[in-house]
PDB file of N, CA and C in Angstrom:
ATOM      1  N   MET A   1       0.821  -1.199   0.000  1.00  0.00           N
ATOM      2  CA  MET A   1       0.000   0.000   0.000  1.00  0.00           C
ATOM      3  C   MET A   1       0.867   1.267   0.000  1.00  0.00           C
ATOM      4  N   PHE A   2       1.937   1.272   0.789  1.00  0.00           N
ATOM      5  CA  PHE A   2       2.822   2.438   0.850  1.00  0.00           C
ATOM      6  C   PHE A   2       3.476   2.682  -0.502  1.00  0.00           C
ATOM      7  N   TRP A   3       3.964   1.613  -1.150  1.00  0.00           N
ATOM      8  CA  TRP A   3       4.656   1.779  -2.423  1.00  0.00           C
ATOM      9  C   TRP A   3       3.698   2.200  -3.529  1.00  0.00           C
ATOM     10  N   ASP A   4       2.437   1.798  -3.415  1.00  0.00           N
ATOM     11  CA  ASP A   4       1.445   2.269  -4.383  1.00  0.00           C
ATOM     12  C   ASP A   4       1.270   3.782  -4.267  1.00  0.00           C
ATOM     13  N   THR A   5       1.201   4.279  -3.041  1.00  0.00           N
ATOM     14  CA  THR A   5       1.048   5.721  -2.830  1.00  0.00           C
ATOM     15  C   THR A   5       2.257   6.475  -3.363  1.00  0.00           C
ATOM     16  N   VAL A   6       3.451   5.960  -3.096  1.00  0.00           N
ATOM     17  CA  VAL A   6       4.671   6.586  -3.625  1.00  0.00           C
ATOM     18  C   VAL A   6       4.639   6.571  -5.151  1.00  0.00           C
ATOM     19  N   GLY A   7       4.202   5.462  -5.734  1.00  0.00           N
ATOM     20  CA  GLY A   7       4.101   5.358  -7.192  1.00  0.00           C
ATOM     21  C   GLY A   7       3.137   6.375  -7.777  1.00  0.00           C
ATOM     22  N   TYR A   8       1.985   6.533  -7.140  1.00  0.00           N
ATOM     23  CA  TYR A   8       1.016   7.508  -7.643  1.00  0.00           C
ATOM     24  C   TYR A   8       1.528   8.941  -7.498  1.00  0.00           C
ATOM     25  N   ILE A   9       2.262   9.213  -6.437  1.00  0.00           N
ATOM     26  CA  ILE A   9       2.866  10.552  -6.286  1.00  0.00           C
ATOM     27  C   ILE A   9       3.875  10.794  -7.403  1.00  0.00           C
ATOM     28  N   PHE A  10       4.704   9.793  -7.698  1.00  0.00           N
ATOM     29  CA  PHE A  10       5.657   9.921  -8.801  1.00  0.00           C
ATOM     30  C   PHE A  10       4.939  10.156 -10.123  1.00  0.00           C
ATOM     31  N   ILE A  11       3.841   9.466 -10.344  1.00  0.00           N
ATOM     32  CA  ILE A  11       3.095   9.624 -11.604  1.00  0.00           C
ATOM     33  C   ILE A  11       2.510  11.029 -11.714  1.00  0.00           C
ATOM     34  N   VAL A  12       1.961  11.540 -10.621  1.00  0.00           N
ATOM     35  CA  VAL A  12       1.398  12.907 -10.651  1.00  0.00           C
ATOM     36  C   VAL A  12       2.497  13.930 -10.921  1.00  0.00           C
ATOM     37  N   VAL A  13       3.644  13.783 -10.252  1.00  0.00           N
ATOM     38  CA  VAL A  13       4.760  14.703 -10.492  1.00  0.00           C
ATOM     39  C   VAL A  13       5.228  14.601 -11.945  1.00  0.00           C
ATOM     40  N   GLY A  14       5.274  13.388 -12.477  1.00  0.00           N
ATOM     41  CA  GLY A  14       5.661  13.195 -13.877  1.00  0.00           C
ATOM     42  C   GLY A  14       4.706  13.855 -14.848  1.00  0.00           C
ATOM     43  N   VAL A  15       3.417  13.746 -14.579  1.00  0.00           N
ATOM     44  CA  VAL A  15       2.423  14.385 -15.448  1.00  0.00           C
ATOM     45  C   VAL A  15       2.569  15.902 -15.404  1.00  0.00           C
ATOM     46  N   VAL A  16       2.828  16.452 -14.214  1.00  0.00           N
ATOM     47  CA  VAL A  16       3.017  17.908 -14.093  1.00  0.00           C
ATOM     48  C   VAL A  16       4.233  18.354 -14.903  1.00  0.00           C
ATOM     49  N   PHE A  17       5.347  17.620 -14.789  1.00  0.00           N
ATOM     50  CA  PHE A  17       6.535  17.974 -15.573  1.00  0.00           C
ATOM     51  C   PHE A  17       6.264  17.861 -17.067  1.00  0.00           C
ATOM     52  N   ASP A  18       5.561  16.812 -17.487  1.00  0.00           N
ATOM     53  CA  ASP A  18       5.245  16.667 -18.908  1.00  0.00           C
ATOM     54  C   ASP A  18       4.355  17.815 -19.405  1.00  0.00           C
ATOM     55  N   LEU A  19       3.385  18.208 -18.597  1.00  0.00           N
ATOM     56  CA  LEU A  19       2.529  19.334 -18.996  1.00  0.00           C
ATOM     57  C   LEU A  19       3.324  20.638 -19.097  1.00  0.00           C
ATOM     58  N   LEU A  20       4.234  20.865 -18.150  1.00  0.00           N
ATOM     59  CA  LEU A  20       5.070  22.071 -18.225  1.00  0.00           C
ATOM     60  C   LEU A  20       5.978  22.032 -19.456  1.00  0.00           C
ATOM     61  N   GLY A  21       6.478  20.866 -19.810  1.00  0.00           N
ATOM     62  CA  GLY A  21       7.278  20.738 -21.026  1.00  0.00           C
ATOM     63  C   GLY A  21       6.464  21.040 -22.269  1.00  0.00           C
ATOM     64  N   CYS A  22       5.200  20.600 -22.285  1.00  0.00           N
ATOM     65  CA  CYS A  22       4.333  20.886 -23.434  1.00  0.00           C
ATOM     66  C   CYS A  22       4.031  22.378 -23.535  1.00  0.00           C
ATOM     67  N   VAL A  23       3.822  23.024 -22.400  1.00  0.00           N
ATOM     68  CA  VAL A  23       3.611  24.475 -22.407  1.00  0.00           C
ATOM     69  C   VAL A  23       4.855  25.174 -22.938  1.00  0.00           C
ATOM     70  N   GLY A  24       6.027  24.704 -22.533  1.00  0.00           N
ATOM     71  CA  GLY A  24       7.275  25.286 -23.021  1.00  0.00           C
ATOM     72  C   GLY A  24       7.437  25.119 -24.516  1.00  0.00           C
ATOM     73  N   LEU A  25       7.001  23.988 -25.056  1.00  0.00           N
ATOM     74  CA  LEU A  25       7.087  23.778 -26.502  1.00  0.00           C
ATOM     75  C   LEU A  25       6.223  24.771 -27.268  1.00  0.00           C
ATOM     76  N   VAL A  26       5.112  25.155 -26.687  1.00  0.00           N
ATOM     77  CA  VAL A  26       4.204  26.084 -27.363  1.00  0.00           C
ATOM     78  C   VAL A  26       4.629  27.540 -27.145  1.00  0.00           C
ATOM     79  N   ARG A  27       5.101  27.864 -25.951  1.00  0.00           N
ATOM     80  CA  ARG A  27       5.322  29.256 -25.591  1.00  0.00           C
ATOM     81  C   ARG A  27       6.712  29.819 -25.891  1.00  0.00           C
ATOM     82  N   LEU A  28       7.721  28.966 -25.959  1.00  0.00           N
ATOM     83  CA  LEU A  28       9.082  29.486 -26.109  1.00  0.00           C
ATOM     84  C   LEU A  28       9.360  29.919 -27.552  1.00  0.00           C
ATOM     85  N   PRO A  29      10.270  30.885 -27.749  1.00  0.00           N
ATOM     86  CA  PRO A  29      10.370  31.583 -29.028  1.00  0.00           C
ATOM     87  C   PRO A  29      11.120  30.864 -30.149  1.00  0.00           C
ATOM     88  N   ASP A  30      12.141  30.056 -29.854  1.00  0.00           N
ATOM     89  CA  ASP A  30      12.889  29.456 -30.961  1.00  0.00           C
ATOM     90  C   ASP A  30      13.147  27.977 -30.700  1.00  0.00           C
ATOM     91  N   VAL A  31      13.739  27.334 -31.700  1.00  0.00           N
ATOM     92  CA  VAL A  31      13.933  25.891 -31.641  1.00  0.00           C
ATOM     93  C   VAL A  31      14.856  25.492 -30.492  1.00  0.00           C
ATOM     94  N   TYR A  32      15.817  26.289 -30.166  1.00  0.00           N
ATOM     95  CA  TYR A  32      16.776  25.952 -29.114  1.00  0.00           C
ATOM     96  C   TYR A  32      16.119  26.007 -27.734  1.00  0.00           C
ATOM     97  N   ASN A  33      15.309  27.025 -27.493  1.00  0.00           N
ATOM     98  CA  ASN A  33      14.578  27.102 -26.227  1.00  0.00           C
ATOM     99  C   ASN A  33      13.536  25.999 -26.128  1.00  0.00           C
ATOM    100  N   ARG A  34      12.909  25.663 -27.235  1.00  0.00           N
ATOM    101  CA  ARG A  34      11.930  24.574 -27.228  1.00  0.00           C
ATOM    102  C   ARG A  34      12.595  23.237 -26.953  1.00  0.00           C
ATOM    103  N   LEU A  35      13.775  23.043 -27.511  1.00  0.00           N
ATOM    104  CA  LEU A  35      14.515  21.816 -27.204  1.00  0.00           C
ATOM    105  C   LEU A  35      14.862  21.744 -25.726  1.00  0.00           C
ATOM    106  N   GLN A  36      15.174  22.887 -25.138  1.00  0.00           N
ATOM    107  CA  GLN A  36      15.470  22.930 -23.709  1.00  0.00           C
ATOM    108  C   GLN A  36      14.262  22.452 -22.909  1.00  0.00           C
ATOM    109  N   ALA A  37      13.084  22.962 -23.247  1.00  0.00           N
ATOM    110  CA  ALA A  37      11.870  22.561 -22.531  1.00  0.00           C
ATOM    111  C   ALA A  37      11.584  21.078 -22.732  1.00  0.00           C
ATOM    112  N   ALA A  38      11.738  20.632 -23.961  1.00  0.00           N
ATOM    113  CA  ALA A  38      11.451  19.221 -24.244  1.00  0.00           C
ATOM    114  C   ALA A  38      12.430  18.312 -23.537  1.00  0.00           C
ATOM    115  N   THR A  39      13.679  18.679 -23.536  1.00  0.00           N
ATOM    116  CA  THR A  39      14.689  17.807 -22.945  1.00  0.00           C
ATOM    117  C   THR A  39      14.566  17.767 -21.433  1.00  0.00           C
ATOM    118  N   LYS A  40      14.490  18.911 -20.806  1.00  0.00           N
ATOM    119  CA  LYS A  40      14.480  18.937 -19.341  1.00  0.00           C
ATOM    120  C   LYS A  40      13.164  18.415 -18.779  1.00  0.00           C
ATOM    121  N   CYS A  41      12.063  19.048 -19.153  1.00  0.00           N
ATOM    122  CA  CYS A  41      10.783  18.713 -18.533  1.00  0.00           C
ATOM    123  C   CYS A  41      10.251  17.354 -18.962  1.00  0.00           C
ATOM    124  N   VAL A  42      10.254  17.103 -20.244  1.00  0.00           N
ATOM    125  CA  VAL A  42       9.640  15.868 -20.721  1.00  0.00           C
ATOM    126  C   VAL A  42      10.483  14.653 -20.348  1.00  0.00           C
ATOM    127  N   THR A  43      11.797  14.774 -20.364  1.00  0.00           N
ATOM    128  CA  THR A  43      12.635  13.649 -19.945  1.00  0.00           C
ATOM    129  C   THR A  43      12.411  13.341 -18.472  1.00  0.00           C
ATOM    130  N   LEU A  44      12.446  14.365 -17.638  1.00  0.00           N
ATOM    131  CA  LEU A  44      12.234  14.150 -16.215  1.00  0.00           C
ATOM    132  C   LEU A  44      10.810  13.660 -15.934  1.00  0.00           C
ATOM    133  N   GLY A  45       9.831  14.240 -16.608  1.00  0.00           N
ATOM    134  CA  GLY A  45       8.446  13.818 -16.403  1.00  0.00           C
ATOM    135  C   GLY A  45       8.202  12.379 -16.813  1.00  0.00           C
ATOM    136  N   THR A  46       8.732  11.979 -17.944  1.00  0.00           N
ATOM    137  CA  THR A  46       8.564  10.600 -18.404  1.00  0.00           C
ATOM    138  C   THR A  46       9.293   9.632 -17.484  1.00  0.00           C
ATOM    139  N   ALA A  47      10.467  10.011 -17.020  1.00  0.00           N
ATOM    140  CA  ALA A  47      11.191   9.158 -16.077  1.00  0.00           C
ATOM    141  C   ALA A  47      10.414   9.015 -14.768  1.00  0.00           C
ATOM    142  N   PHE A  48       9.837  10.092 -14.278  1.00  0.00           N
ATOM    143  CA  PHE A  48       9.026  10.001 -13.064  1.00  0.00           C
ATOM    144  C   PHE A  48       7.818   9.093 -13.276  1.00  0.00           C
ATOM    145  N   LEU A  49       7.160   9.211 -14.435  1.00  0.00           N
ATOM    146  CA  LEU A  49       6.033   8.331 -14.730  1.00  0.00           C
ATOM    147  C   LEU A  49       6.456   6.866 -14.701  1.00  0.00           C
ATOM    148  N   LEU A  50       7.566   6.576 -15.338  1.00  0.00           N
ATOM    149  CA  LEU A  50       8.022   5.194 -15.409  1.00  0.00           C
ATOM    150  C   LEU A  50       8.495   4.681 -14.047  1.00  0.00           C
ATOM    151  N   PHE A  51       9.134   5.537 -13.254  1.00  0.00           N
ATOM    152  CA  PHE A  51       9.504   5.129 -11.900  1.00  0.00           C
ATOM    153  C   PHE A  51       8.256   4.887 -11.048  1.00  0.00           C
ATOM    154  N   GLY A  52       7.221   5.697 -11.261  1.00  0.00           N
ATOM    155  CA  GLY A  52       5.959   5.468 -10.555  1.00  0.00           C
ATOM    156  C   GLY A  52       5.348   4.126 -10.907  1.00  0.00           C
ATOM    157  N   VAL A  53       5.395   3.755 -12.174  1.00  0.00           N
ATOM    158  CA  VAL A  53       4.910   2.435 -12.587  1.00  0.00           C
ATOM    159  C   VAL A  53       5.729   1.340 -11.913  1.00  0.00           C
ATOM    160  N   PHE A  54       7.045   1.548 -11.832  1.00  0.00           N
ATOM    161  CA  PHE A  54       7.886   0.560 -11.146  1.00  0.00           C
ATOM    162  C   PHE A  54       7.501   0.420  -9.676  1.00  0.00           C
ATOM    163  N   PHE A  55       7.260   1.540  -8.989  1.00  0.00           N
ATOM    164  CA  PHE A  55       6.892   1.467  -7.578  1.00  0.00           C
ATOM    165  C   PHE A  55       5.551   0.759  -7.384  1.00  0.00           C
ATOM    166  N   ILE A  56       4.637   0.930  -8.323  1.00  0.00           N
ATOM    167  CA  ILE A  56       3.330   0.279  -8.194  1.00  0.00           C
ATOM    168  C   ILE A  56       3.427  -1.220  -8.479  1.00  0.00           C
ATOM    169  N   TYR A  57       4.145  -1.601  -9.532  1.00  0.00           N
ATOM    170  CA  TYR A  57       4.176  -3.008  -9.946  1.00  0.00           C
ATOM    171  C   TYR A  57       5.377  -3.787  -9.410  1.00  0.00           C
ATOM    172  N   GLY A  58       6.359  -3.109  -8.855  1.00  0.00           N
ATOM    173  CA  GLY A  58       7.494  -3.798  -8.241  1.00  0.00           C
ATOM    174  C   GLY A  58       8.365  -4.517  -9.251  1.00  0.00           C
ATOM    175  N   PHE A  59       8.973  -5.602  -8.798  1.00  0.00           N
ATOM    176  CA  PHE A  59       9.907  -6.343  -9.640  1.00  0.00           C
ATOM    177  C   PHE A  59       9.193  -7.396 -10.497  1.00  0.00           C
ATOM    178  N   SER A  60       8.071  -7.019 -11.063  1.00  0.00           N
ATOM    179  CA  SER A  60       7.382  -7.887 -12.022  1.00  0.00           C
ATOM    180  C   SER A  60       7.927  -7.569 -13.416  1.00  0.00           C
ATOM    181  N   ALA A  61       7.398  -8.258 -14.411  1.00  0.00           N
ATOM    182  CA  ALA A  61       7.838  -8.002 -15.786  1.00  0.00           C
ATOM    183  C   ALA A  61       7.554  -6.548 -16.184  1.00  0.00           C
ATOM    184  N   LEU A  62       6.395  -6.048 -15.811  1.00  0.00           N
ATOM    185  CA  LEU A  62       6.036  -4.671 -16.147  1.00  0.00           C
ATOM    186  C   LEU A  62       6.934  -3.666 -15.438  1.00  0.00           C
ATOM    187  N   GLY A  63       7.255  -3.912 -14.174  1.00  0.00           N
ATOM    188  CA  GLY A  63       8.117  -3.008 -13.423  1.00  0.00           C
ATOM    189  C   GLY A  63       9.530  -2.948 -13.984  1.00  0.00           C
ATOM    190  N   ILE A  64      10.067  -4.103 -14.359  1.00  0.00           N
ATOM    191  CA  ILE A  64      11.414  -4.140 -14.939  1.00  0.00           C
ATOM    192  C   ILE A  64      11.430  -3.442 -16.300  1.00  0.00           C
ATOM    193  N   LYS A  65      10.388  -3.646 -17.089  1.00  0.00           N
ATOM    194  CA  LYS A  65      10.299  -2.964 -18.383  1.00  0.00           C
ATOM    195  C   LYS A  65      10.211  -1.449 -18.189  1.00  0.00           C
ATOM    196  N   ALA A  66       9.495  -1.002 -17.169  1.00  0.00           N
ATOM    197  CA  ALA A  66       9.401   0.433 -16.886  1.00  0.00           C
ATOM    198  C   ALA A  66      10.771   0.995 -16.509  1.00  0.00           C
ATOM    199  N   LEU A  67      11.538   0.258 -15.697  1.00  0.00           N
ATOM    200  CA  LEU A  67      12.880   0.714 -15.349  1.00  0.00           C
ATOM    201  C   LEU A  67      13.789   0.783 -16.569  1.00  0.00           C
ATOM    202  N   LEU A  68      13.717  -0.222 -17.436  1.00  0.00           N
ATOM    203  CA  LEU A  68      14.543  -0.210 -18.647  1.00  0.00           C
ATOM    204  C   LEU A  68      14.163   0.944 -19.568  1.00  0.00           C
ATOM    205  N   CYS A  69      12.869   1.205 -19.692  1.00  0.00           N
ATOM    206  CA  CYS A  69      12.421   2.332 -20.525  1.00  0.00           C
ATOM    207  C   CYS A  69      12.864   3.660 -19.928  1.00  0.00           C
ATOM    208  N   ALA A  70      12.811   3.790 -18.605  1.00  0.00           N
ATOM    209  CA  ALA A  70      13.269   5.027 -17.956  1.00  0.00           C
ATOM    210  C   ALA A  70      14.753   5.238 -18.211  1.00  0.00           C
ATOM    211  N   LEU A  71      15.531   4.186 -18.106  1.00  0.00           N
ATOM    212  CA  LEU A  71      16.968   4.292 -18.381  1.00  0.00           C
ATOM    213  C   LEU A  71      17.205   4.718 -19.833  1.00  0.00           C
ATOM    214  N   PHE A  72      16.466   4.126 -20.764  1.00  0.00           N
ATOM    215  CA  PHE A  72      16.607   4.485 -22.175  1.00  0.00           C
ATOM    216  C   PHE A  72      16.235   5.949 -22.413  1.00  0.00           C
ATOM    217  N   VAL A  73      15.149   6.409 -21.806  1.00  0.00           N
ATOM    218  CA  VAL A  73      14.718   7.800 -21.977  1.00  0.00           C
ATOM    219  C   VAL A  73      15.750   8.757 -21.389  1.00  0.00           C
ATOM    220  N   LEU A  74      16.282   8.428 -20.218  1.00  0.00           N
ATOM    221  CA  LEU A  74      17.265   9.307 -19.574  1.00  0.00           C
ATOM    222  C   LEU A  74      18.565   9.404 -20.361  1.00  0.00           C
ATOM    223  N   ILE A  75      18.897   8.379 -21.127  1.00  0.00           N
ATOM    224  CA  ILE A  75      20.119   8.417 -21.930  1.00  0.00           C
ATOM    225  C   ILE A  75      19.870   9.016 -23.314  1.00  0.00           C
ATOM    226  N   SER A  76      18.801   8.600 -23.966  1.00  0.00           N
ATOM    227  CA  SER A  76      18.613   8.965 -25.373  1.00  0.00           C
ATOM    228  C   SER A  76      18.023  10.358 -25.588  1.00  0.00           C
ATOM    229  N   SER A  77      17.176  10.831 -24.712  1.00  0.00           N
ATOM    230  CA  SER A  77      16.528  12.119 -24.939  1.00  0.00           C
ATOM    231  C   SER A  77      17.504  13.299 -24.904  1.00  0.00           C
ATOM    232  N   PRO A  78      18.365  13.423 -23.894  1.00  0.00           N
ATOM    233  CA  PRO A  78      19.334  14.533 -23.933  1.00  0.00           C
ATOM    234  C   PRO A  78      20.327  14.412 -25.089  1.00  0.00           C
ATOM    235  N   THR A  79      20.709  13.185 -25.419  1.00  0.00           N
ATOM    236  CA  THR A  79      21.630  12.980 -26.537  1.00  0.00           C
ATOM    237  C   THR A  79      20.994  13.404 -27.852  1.00  0.00           C
ATOM    238  N   GLY A  80      19.744  13.010 -28.042  1.00  0.00           N
ATOM    239  CA  GLY A  80      19.035  13.402 -29.261  1.00  0.00           C
ATOM    240  C   GLY A  80      18.805  14.898 -29.354  1.00  0.00           C
ATOM    241  N   ALA A  81      18.479  15.534 -28.234  1.00  0.00           N
ATOM    242  CA  ALA A  81      18.267  16.980 -28.237  1.00  0.00           C
ATOM    243  C   ALA A  81      19.555  17.725 -28.556  1.00  0.00           C
ATOM    244  N   HIS A  82      20.669  17.228 -28.032  1.00  0.00           N
ATOM    245  CA  HIS A  82      21.949  17.858 -28.345  1.00  0.00           C
ATOM    246  C   HIS A  82      22.258  17.734 -29.833  1.00  0.00           C
ATOM    247  N   ALA A  83      22.005  16.573 -30.400  1.00  0.00           N
ATOM    248  CA  ALA A  83      22.252  16.380 -31.833  1.00  0.00           C
ATOM    249  C   ALA A  83      21.346  17.282 -32.667  1.00  0.00           C
ATOM    250  N   LEU A  84      20.090  17.419 -32.273  1.00  0.00           N
ATOM    251  CA  LEU A  84      19.174  18.308 -33.006  1.00  0.00           C
ATOM    252  C   LEU A  84      19.610  19.770 -32.910  1.00  0.00           C
ATOM    253  N   ALA A  85      20.030  20.200 -31.723  1.00  0.00           N
ATOM    254  CA  ALA A  85      20.463  21.589 -31.562  1.00  0.00           C
ATOM    255  C   ALA A  85      21.715  21.864 -32.376  1.00  0.00           C
ATOM    256  N   ARG A  86      22.662  20.950 -32.339  1.00  0.00           N
ATOM    257  CA  ARG A  86      23.902  21.148 -33.103  1.00  0.00           C
ATOM    258  C   ARG A  86      23.629  21.130 -34.607  1.00  0.00           C
ATOM    259  N   GLY A  87      22.782  20.210 -35.044  1.00  0.00           N
ATOM    260  CA  GLY A  87      22.421  20.162 -36.462  1.00  0.00           C
ATOM    261  C   GLY A  87      21.663  21.400 -36.913  1.00  0.00           C
ATOM    262  N   SER A  88      20.778  21.895 -36.059  1.00  0.00           N
ATOM    263  CA  SER A  88      20.040  23.121 -36.391  1.00  0.00           C
ATOM    264  C   SER A  88      20.990  24.299 -36.508  1.00  0.00           C
ATOM    265  N   HIS A  89      21.946  24.386 -35.605  1.00  0.00           N
ATOM    266  CA  HIS A  89      22.889  25.506 -35.640  1.00  0.00           C
ATOM    267  C   HIS A  89      23.766  25.424 -36.881  1.00  0.00           C
ATOM    268  N   LYS A  90      24.266  24.236 -37.188  1.00  0.00           N
ATOM    269  CA  LYS A  90      25.096  24.088 -38.386  1.00  0.00           C
ATOM    270  C   LYS A  90      24.282  24.297 -39.656  1.00  0.00           C
ATOM    271  N   GLY A  91      22.979  24.028 -39.597  1.00  0.00           N
ATOM    272  CA  GLY A  91      22.101  24.235 -40.745  1.00  0.00           C
ATOM    273  C   GLY A  91      21.665  25.671 -40.933  1.00  0.00           C
ATOM    274  N   GLY A  92      22.024  26.537 -39.996  1.00  0.00           N
ATOM    275  CA  GLY A  92      21.740  27.958 -40.163  1.00  0.00           C
ATOM    276  C   GLY A  92      20.472  28.452 -39.498  1.00  0.00           C
ATOM    277  N   VAL A  93      19.879  27.675 -38.621  1.00  0.00           N
ATOM    278  CA  VAL A  93      18.692  28.150 -37.915  1.00  0.00           C
ATOM    279  C   VAL A  93      19.126  29.219 -36.920  1.00  0.00           C
ATOM    280  N   LYS A  94      18.531  30.389 -37.049  1.00  0.00           N
ATOM    281  CA  LYS A  94      18.932  31.540 -36.233  1.00  0.00           C
ATOM    282  C   LYS A  94      18.387  31.424 -34.810  1.00  0.00           C
ATOM    283  N   LEU A  95      19.148  31.991 -33.882  1.00  0.00           N
ATOM    284  CA  LEU A  95      18.699  32.092 -32.509  1.00  0.00           C
ATOM    285  C   LEU A  95      17.679  33.208 -32.386  1.00  0.00           C
ATOM    286  N   TRP A  96      16.918  33.169 -31.317  1.00  0.00           N
ATOM    287  CA  TRP A  96      15.983  34.228 -31.001  1.00  0.00           C
ATOM    288  C   TRP A  96      16.765  35.512 -30.793  1.00  0.00           C
ATOM    289  N   GLU A  97      16.222  36.649 -31.217  1.00  0.00           N
ATOM    290  CA  GLU A  97      16.958  37.916 -31.136  1.00  0.00           C
ATOM    291  C   GLU A  97      17.252  38.318 -29.696  1.00  0.00           C
ATOM    292  N   GLY A  98      16.548  37.769 -28.734  1.00  0.00           N
ATOM    293  CA  GLY A  98      16.802  38.071 -27.331  1.00  0.00           C
ATOM    294  C   GLY A  98      17.834  37.150 -26.692  1.00  0.00           C
ATOM    295  N   SER A  99      18.427  36.263 -27.460  1.00  0.00           N
ATOM    296  CA  SER A  99      19.436  35.357 -26.913  1.00  0.00           C
ATOM    297  C   SER A  99      20.682  36.143 -26.520  1.00  0.00           C
ATOM    298  N   VAL A 100      21.292  35.768 -25.432  1.00  0.00           N
ATOM    299  CA  VAL A 100      22.423  36.501 -24.883  1.00  0.00           C
ATOM    300  C   VAL A 100      23.743  35.976 -25.417  1.00  0.00           C
ATOM    301  N   ILE A 101      23.892  34.652 -25.542  1.00  0.00           N
ATOM    302  CA  ILE A 101      25.174  34.072 -25.903  1.00  0.00           C
ATOM    303  C   ILE A 101      24.939  32.897 -26.856  1.00  0.00           C
ATOM    304  N   ASP A 102      25.903  32.698 -27.741  1.00  0.00           N
ATOM    305  CA  ASP A 102      25.852  31.590 -28.697  1.00  0.00           C
ATOM    306  C   ASP A 102      27.139  30.779 -28.544  1.00  0.00           C
ATOM    307  N   LEU A 103      27.099  29.774 -27.716  1.00  0.00           N
ATOM    308  CA  LEU A 103      28.297  28.985 -27.441  1.00  0.00           C
ATOM    309  C   LEU A 103      28.731  28.145 -28.641  1.00  0.00           C
ATOM    310  N   TYR A 104      27.780  27.702 -29.453  1.00  0.00           N
ATOM    311  CA  TYR A 104      28.156  26.941 -30.647  1.00  0.00           C
ATOM    312  C   TYR A 104      28.979  27.790 -31.609  1.00  0.00           C
ATOM    313  N   ALA A 105      28.584  29.054 -31.780  1.00  0.00           N
ATOM    314  CA  ALA A 105      29.329  29.941 -32.675  1.00  0.00           C
ATOM    315  C   ALA A 105      30.705  30.233 -32.109  1.00  0.00           C
ATOM    316  N   GLU A 106      30.807  30.439 -30.804  1.00  0.00           N
ATOM    317  CA  GLU A 106      32.106  30.664 -30.197  1.00  0.00           C
ATOM    318  C   GLU A 106      33.001  29.438 -30.339  1.00  0.00           C
ATOM    319  N   ASP A 107      32.429  28.262 -30.217  1.00  0.00           N
ATOM    320  CA  ASP A 107      33.197  27.026 -30.343  1.00  0.00           C
ATOM    321  C   ASP A 107      33.721  26.844 -31.761  1.00  0.00           C
ATOM    322  N   SER A 108      32.894  27.166 -32.755  1.00  0.00           N
ATOM    323  CA  SER A 108      33.332  27.004 -34.146  1.00  0.00           C
ATOM    324  C   SER A 108      34.351  28.071 -34.551  1.00  0.00           C
ATOM    325  N   GLU A 109      34.309  29.246 -33.928  1.00  0.00           N
ATOM    326  CA  GLU A 109      35.300  30.287 -34.210  1.00  0.00           C
ATOM    327  C   GLU A 109      36.668  29.933 -33.646  1.00  0.00           C
ATOM    328  N   ASN A 110      36.702  29.195 -32.553  1.00  0.00           N
ATOM    329  CA  ASN A 110      37.963  28.843 -31.914  1.00  0.00           C
ATOM    330  C   ASN A 110      38.667  27.691 -32.607  1.00  0.00           C
ATOM    331  N   LYS A 111      38.019  27.013 -33.500  1.00  0.00           N
ATOM    332  CA  LYS A 111      38.655  25.870 -34.197  1.00  0.00           C
ATOM    333  C   LYS A 111      39.394  26.286 -35.420  1.00  0.00           C
TER     334      LYS A 111
END
């Protein structure tokens, strides 16, 4: 009973993070800021959801699959977002005019 409650709390927190990530995708001004929202909020929210499923189902087949999926999401989502941001920058997608610093441009100038 205790672990079910912990699992449901994790699921609610995960849903809140996922909703905030979706709001960030709609509200933020450019592709780089949107990637930030998607990577941070949605990765953490999905991981919380999957950890909540693990707490509810324990070490059953479903619980182990949830842990494996959480591990995959935690590794692949930030890696994919970094690749998309770097590809967008090399492809010429401009930053928002209110951006303060462009580290990719500084990195390419130093090479």
